[in-house]
Amino acid sequence: MGWWWRLLLGLWAVPPTCTGHELLNVCMNAKPHKPEPGPEAELYEECIPWKDNACCTASTSWEAHLDVSLLYNFSLVHCGLMMPDCQRHFLQAICFYQCSPNLGPWIQQVDPRWQAERVLDAPLCLEDCERWWADCRTSHTCKSNWLGGWAWSRGKPRCPEWEPCRPFPHHFPTPADLCERIWSGSFRASPERRGSGRCLQKWFEPARGNPNAEVARRFASPARSWARCPGLLAFPLLLPLLS
């Protein structure tokens, strides 16, 4: 029996280890996330809901609230004053992205030269997108995708000369446009409502517990977990060599 058939039989003999649980209670492999979630008693303001189990540190939560965030070297007020209610939604979204341990089913591998993983198409509840959009209607921005296309000056991103500041509805005609385009597909606008168990809340009342853990369990599946199981991913790559 050739060595390749012995390898193949050995792989068949190993029971599957990727059952979907790898996607639960995890942190993405990206700066400045922690390697694994845990308690953080000193989280700052909008990040407080995740204090019992967080992928962010107290320092990260504080940096997220600065006028020019040290996390992204980016200012929310790049088009002048942003209304407080609008700014609060962005801070909540940043805390959600940095602190939540319930984004595993939507973590995807990306170019390791930038970061190893990112979140893609995480389904935000209908109310979250609607309130975010409504509270930002009178604020201004110059771009619909904040993850690229900025004009850099003195190490900071600024609006390109050909893209003037306009009210949010100019760039985001609907709540879904805002949720899905602002960070290049990190979020998806779900038709489901809060409490359905089928969509994620970007913020929640700490006293009521984290509703997103249930949602992550619903969406976790062995198929989605393959991205975090390199052994299984390597198996299809070996098949041409074994034939």
Protein backbone atom coordinates (compact mmCIF):
# COMPACT_ATOMS: atom_id res chain seq x y z
CA MET A 1 0.00 0.00 0.00
CA GLY A 2 1.44 3.36 -1.05
CA TRP A 3 2.15 6.05 1.55
CA TRP A 4 -0.60 8.25 0.14
CA TRP A 5 -3.26 5.59 0.75
CA ARG A 6 -2.01 5.13 4.32
CA LEU A 7 -2.33 8.93 4.77
CA LEU A 8 -5.82 8.89 3.28
CA LEU A 9 -6.96 6.08 5.56
CA GLY A 10 -5.46 7.91 8.52
CA LEU A 11 -7.42 11.03 7.69
CA TRP A 12 -10.62 9.02 7.36
CA ALA A 13 -9.96 7.48 10.77
CA VAL A 14 -9.77 10.87 12.49
CA PRO A 15 -13.21 11.93 13.73
CA PRO A 16 -14.40 15.38 12.57
CA THR A 17 -13.47 18.12 15.02
CA CYS A 18 -15.15 21.12 13.39
CA THR A 19 -18.75 21.10 14.59
CA GLY A 20 -19.52 24.81 14.67
CA HIS A 21 -18.46 25.27 18.29
CA GLU A 22 -15.20 26.83 17.05
CA LEU A 23 -17.31 29.85 16.05
CA LEU A 24 -18.73 30.48 19.53
CA ASN A 25 -17.21 32.75 22.14
CA VAL A 26 -14.18 33.66 20.04
CA CYS A 27 -12.17 36.76 19.11
CA MET A 28 -11.06 37.44 15.57
CA ASN A 29 -7.37 37.29 14.76
CA ALA A 30 -6.89 41.03 14.20
CA LYS A 31 -5.36 43.95 16.03
CA PRO A 32 -6.15 45.05 18.69
CA HIS A 33 -8.38 42.11 19.66
CA LYS A 34 -7.45 39.87 22.57
CA PRO A 35 -6.51 36.25 21.78
CA GLU A 36 -9.62 35.08 23.61
CA PRO A 37 -12.56 36.72 25.38
CA GLY A 38 -12.76 37.33 29.09
CA PRO A 39 -13.95 39.80 31.77
CA GLU A 40 -12.90 43.46 31.47
CA ALA A 41 -14.27 45.42 34.43
CA GLU A 42 -13.02 48.84 33.28
CA LEU A 43 -14.49 49.14 29.79
CA TYR A 44 -15.34 52.69 28.75
CA GLU A 45 -18.83 54.14 28.13
CA GLU A 46 -20.42 52.57 25.02
CA CYS A 47 -18.26 49.45 25.41
CA ILE A 48 -19.54 48.68 28.93
CA PRO A 49 -22.15 46.07 27.80
CA TRP A 50 -19.30 43.64 27.03
CA LYS A 51 -17.51 43.98 30.39
CA ASP A 52 -18.42 40.43 31.51
CA ASN A 53 -16.94 38.81 28.40
CA ALA A 54 -15.02 40.96 25.94
CA CYS A 55 -12.54 40.68 23.08
CA CYS A 56 -11.33 44.24 23.78
CA THR A 57 -9.27 45.68 26.61
CA ALA A 58 -10.08 48.76 28.70
CA SER A 59 -7.39 50.63 26.75
CA THR A 60 -8.98 49.71 23.42
CA SER A 61 -12.41 50.85 24.62
CA TRP A 62 -10.99 54.22 25.71
CA GLU A 63 -9.11 54.73 22.43
CA ALA A 64 -12.31 54.05 20.49
CA HIS A 65 -13.96 57.10 22.08
CA LEU A 66 -11.25 59.65 21.20
CA ASP A 67 -12.06 62.38 18.66
CA VAL A 68 -9.28 60.97 16.51
CA SER A 69 -9.41 57.27 17.28
CA LEU A 70 -6.05 55.68 17.94
CA LEU A 71 -7.49 52.38 16.70
CA TYR A 72 -7.89 53.56 13.12
CA ASN A 73 -6.15 56.96 13.06
CA PHE A 74 -9.53 58.23 11.91
CA SER A 75 -11.88 61.02 13.01
CA LEU A 76 -15.66 60.68 13.00
CA VAL A 77 -15.85 64.46 12.66
CA HIS A 78 -14.00 64.64 9.33
CA CYS A 79 -16.83 66.83 8.00
CA GLY A 80 -17.22 69.05 11.02
CA LEU A 81 -19.45 68.50 14.02
CA MET A 82 -21.29 65.18 14.11
CA MET A 83 -24.56 65.19 16.03
CA PRO A 84 -24.19 63.45 19.43
CA ASP A 85 -26.84 60.80 18.73
CA CYS A 86 -25.17 59.96 15.42
CA GLN A 87 -21.74 59.76 17.02
CA ARG A 88 -23.11 57.47 19.73
CA HIS A 89 -24.21 54.95 17.08
CA PHE A 90 -20.73 54.87 15.59
CA LEU A 91 -19.11 54.40 18.99
CA GLN A 92 -21.51 51.55 19.70
CA ALA A 93 -20.70 49.95 16.35
CA ILE A 94 -16.96 50.25 17.01
CA CYS A 95 -17.35 48.72 20.47
CA PHE A 96 -19.49 45.94 19.01
CA TYR A 97 -16.85 45.15 16.38
CA GLN A 98 -13.92 45.33 18.80
CA CYS A 99 -15.44 43.78 21.91
CA SER A 100 -18.06 41.21 20.90
CA PRO A 101 -17.17 37.51 21.32
CA ASN A 102 -20.27 36.57 19.29
CA LEU A 103 -19.11 37.36 15.76
CA GLY A 104 -17.52 33.97 15.04
CA PRO A 105 -19.98 32.82 12.33
CA TRP A 106 -19.13 35.92 10.28
CA ILE A 107 -15.34 35.99 10.69
CA GLN A 108 -13.52 35.65 7.38
CA GLN A 109 -9.87 35.32 6.40
CA VAL A 110 -8.40 38.37 4.66
CA ASP A 111 -5.04 39.58 3.38
CA PRO A 112 -2.60 38.91 6.26
CA ARG A 113 -0.55 41.95 5.25
CA TRP A 114 -3.38 44.11 6.65
CA GLN A 115 -5.01 41.87 9.24
CA ALA A 116 -5.59 38.14 9.44
CA GLU A 117 -9.37 38.20 9.83
CA ARG A 118 -12.37 40.51 9.53
CA VAL A 119 -16.14 40.34 9.98
CA LEU A 120 -18.29 40.11 6.85
CA ASP A 121 -22.10 40.29 6.50
CA ALA A 122 -22.91 40.21 10.21
CA PRO A 123 -26.73 40.67 10.27
CA LEU A 124 -27.70 43.80 12.21
CA CYS A 125 -31.28 43.98 13.46
CA LEU A 126 -33.77 46.11 11.53
CA GLU A 127 -34.16 48.61 14.38
CA ASP A 128 -30.40 49.09 14.72
CA CYS A 129 -30.03 50.14 11.08
CA GLU A 130 -33.15 52.31 11.13
CA ARG A 131 -32.17 54.21 14.29
CA TRP A 132 -28.57 54.65 13.15
CA TRP A 133 -29.74 56.12 9.84
CA ALA A 134 -32.43 58.35 11.41
CA ASP A 135 -30.05 59.81 14.00
CA CYS A 136 -27.39 60.56 11.36
CA ARG A 137 -29.61 62.25 8.76
CA THR A 138 -28.44 65.75 9.71
CA SER A 139 -24.75 64.85 10.06
CA HIS A 140 -22.29 65.02 7.16
CA THR A 141 -19.68 62.84 5.51
CA CYS A 142 -17.85 62.81 2.19
CA LYS A 143 -17.73 59.06 1.50
CA SER A 144 -20.01 56.04 1.49
CA ASN A 145 -17.23 53.53 2.20
CA TRP A 146 -15.02 54.57 5.09
CA LEU A 147 -12.50 51.76 4.66
CA GLY A 148 -10.68 53.25 1.68
CA GLY A 149 -10.23 56.03 -0.83
CA TRP A 150 -9.18 58.77 1.59
CA ALA A 151 -6.66 61.49 0.83
CA TRP A 152 -3.82 61.15 3.31
CA SER A 153 -2.20 64.29 4.71
CA ARG A 154 0.31 64.36 7.54
CA GLY A 155 -0.46 60.74 8.31
CA LYS A 156 -4.21 61.23 8.63
CA PRO A 157 -7.08 60.41 6.25
CA ARG A 158 -8.98 63.42 4.89
CA CYS A 159 -11.80 63.91 2.40
CA PRO A 160 -10.62 63.85 -1.22
CA GLU A 161 -10.95 67.24 -2.95
CA TRP A 162 -13.49 65.87 -5.44
CA GLU A 163 -15.74 64.47 -2.69
CA PRO A 164 -17.29 67.34 -0.70
CA CYS A 165 -19.11 66.88 2.58
CA ARG A 166 -22.81 66.19 2.17
CA PRO A 167 -25.61 65.02 4.50
CA PHE A 168 -25.63 61.30 5.23
CA PRO A 169 -28.75 60.57 3.08
CA HIS A 170 -26.82 61.69 -0.01
CA HIS A 171 -24.42 58.77 0.48
CA PHE A 172 -26.86 56.43 2.22
CA PRO A 173 -30.41 56.81 0.81
CA THR A 174 -31.75 54.02 3.03
CA PRO A 175 -30.92 52.50 6.45
CA ALA A 176 -29.69 49.37 4.68
CA ASP A 177 -27.24 51.43 2.63
CA LEU A 178 -25.72 52.87 5.80
CA CYS A 179 -25.36 49.53 7.58
CA GLU A 180 -23.94 47.68 4.60
CA ARG A 181 -21.74 50.26 2.88
CA ILE A 182 -20.17 52.31 5.67
CA TRP A 183 -17.56 49.63 6.51
CA SER A 184 -17.44 47.78 3.20
CA GLY A 185 -19.83 44.94 3.98
CA SER A 186 -18.86 44.24 7.58
CA PHE A 187 -22.56 44.41 8.43
CA ARG A 188 -25.68 43.27 6.60
CA ALA A 189 -29.09 44.87 7.14
CA SER A 190 -31.34 42.11 8.41
CA PRO A 191 -35.13 42.22 7.98
CA GLU A 192 -35.40 40.57 11.41
CA ARG A 193 -36.20 42.52 14.55
CA ARG A 194 -34.62 42.59 17.98
CA GLY A 195 -35.69 39.65 20.09
CA SER A 196 -36.14 37.35 17.09
CA GLY A 197 -32.89 35.47 17.77
CA ARG A 198 -31.99 35.91 14.10
CA CYS A 199 -30.14 39.24 14.09
CA LEU A 200 -27.39 40.96 16.06
CA GLN A 201 -27.76 44.03 18.26
CA LYS A 202 -24.82 46.41 18.03
CA TRP A 203 -25.60 47.54 21.58
CA PHE A 204 -27.71 46.24 24.45
CA GLU A 205 -28.56 47.05 28.05
CA PRO A 206 -25.94 45.29 30.21
CA ALA A 207 -28.48 44.41 32.91
CA ARG A 208 -30.50 42.37 30.40
CA GLY A 209 -27.60 40.22 29.28
CA ASN A 210 -26.04 39.73 25.87
CA PRO A 211 -28.68 38.64 23.31
CA ASN A 212 -26.08 38.03 20.60
CA ALA A 213 -24.79 34.78 22.12
CA GLU A 214 -28.04 33.05 21.15
CA VAL A 215 -27.84 34.47 17.63
CA ALA A 216 -24.28 33.21 17.19
CA ARG A 217 -25.35 29.72 18.29
CA ARG A 218 -28.16 29.76 15.73
CA PHE A 219 -25.84 30.75 12.88
CA ALA A 220 -22.85 28.59 13.85
CA SER A 221 -22.52 25.49 11.70
CA PRO A 222 -19.83 22.99 10.69
CA ALA A 223 -19.81 24.45 7.18
CA ARG A 224 -19.00 27.93 8.47
CA SER A 225 -16.37 26.58 10.89
CA TRP A 226 -14.15 25.16 8.12
CA ALA A 227 -12.37 28.51 7.83
CA ARG A 228 -11.08 27.99 11.37
CA CYS A 229 -10.11 24.33 10.86
CA PRO A 230 -6.92 24.30 8.76
CA GLY A 231 -6.62 20.53 9.01
CA LEU A 232 -9.91 20.01 7.24
CA LEU A 233 -9.18 22.75 4.77
CA ALA A 234 -5.98 20.97 3.79
CA PHE A 235 -7.79 17.69 3.08
CA PRO A 236 -9.33 18.74 -0.28
CA LEU A 237 -5.95 20.10 -1.32
CA LEU A 238 -4.42 16.66 -0.88
CA LEU A 239 -6.98 14.81 -2.99
CA PRO A 240 -5.29 15.57 -6.36
CA LEU A 241 -2.02 14.23 -4.96
CA LEU A 242 -3.71 11.05 -3.78
CA SER A 243 -5.38 10.22 -7.09
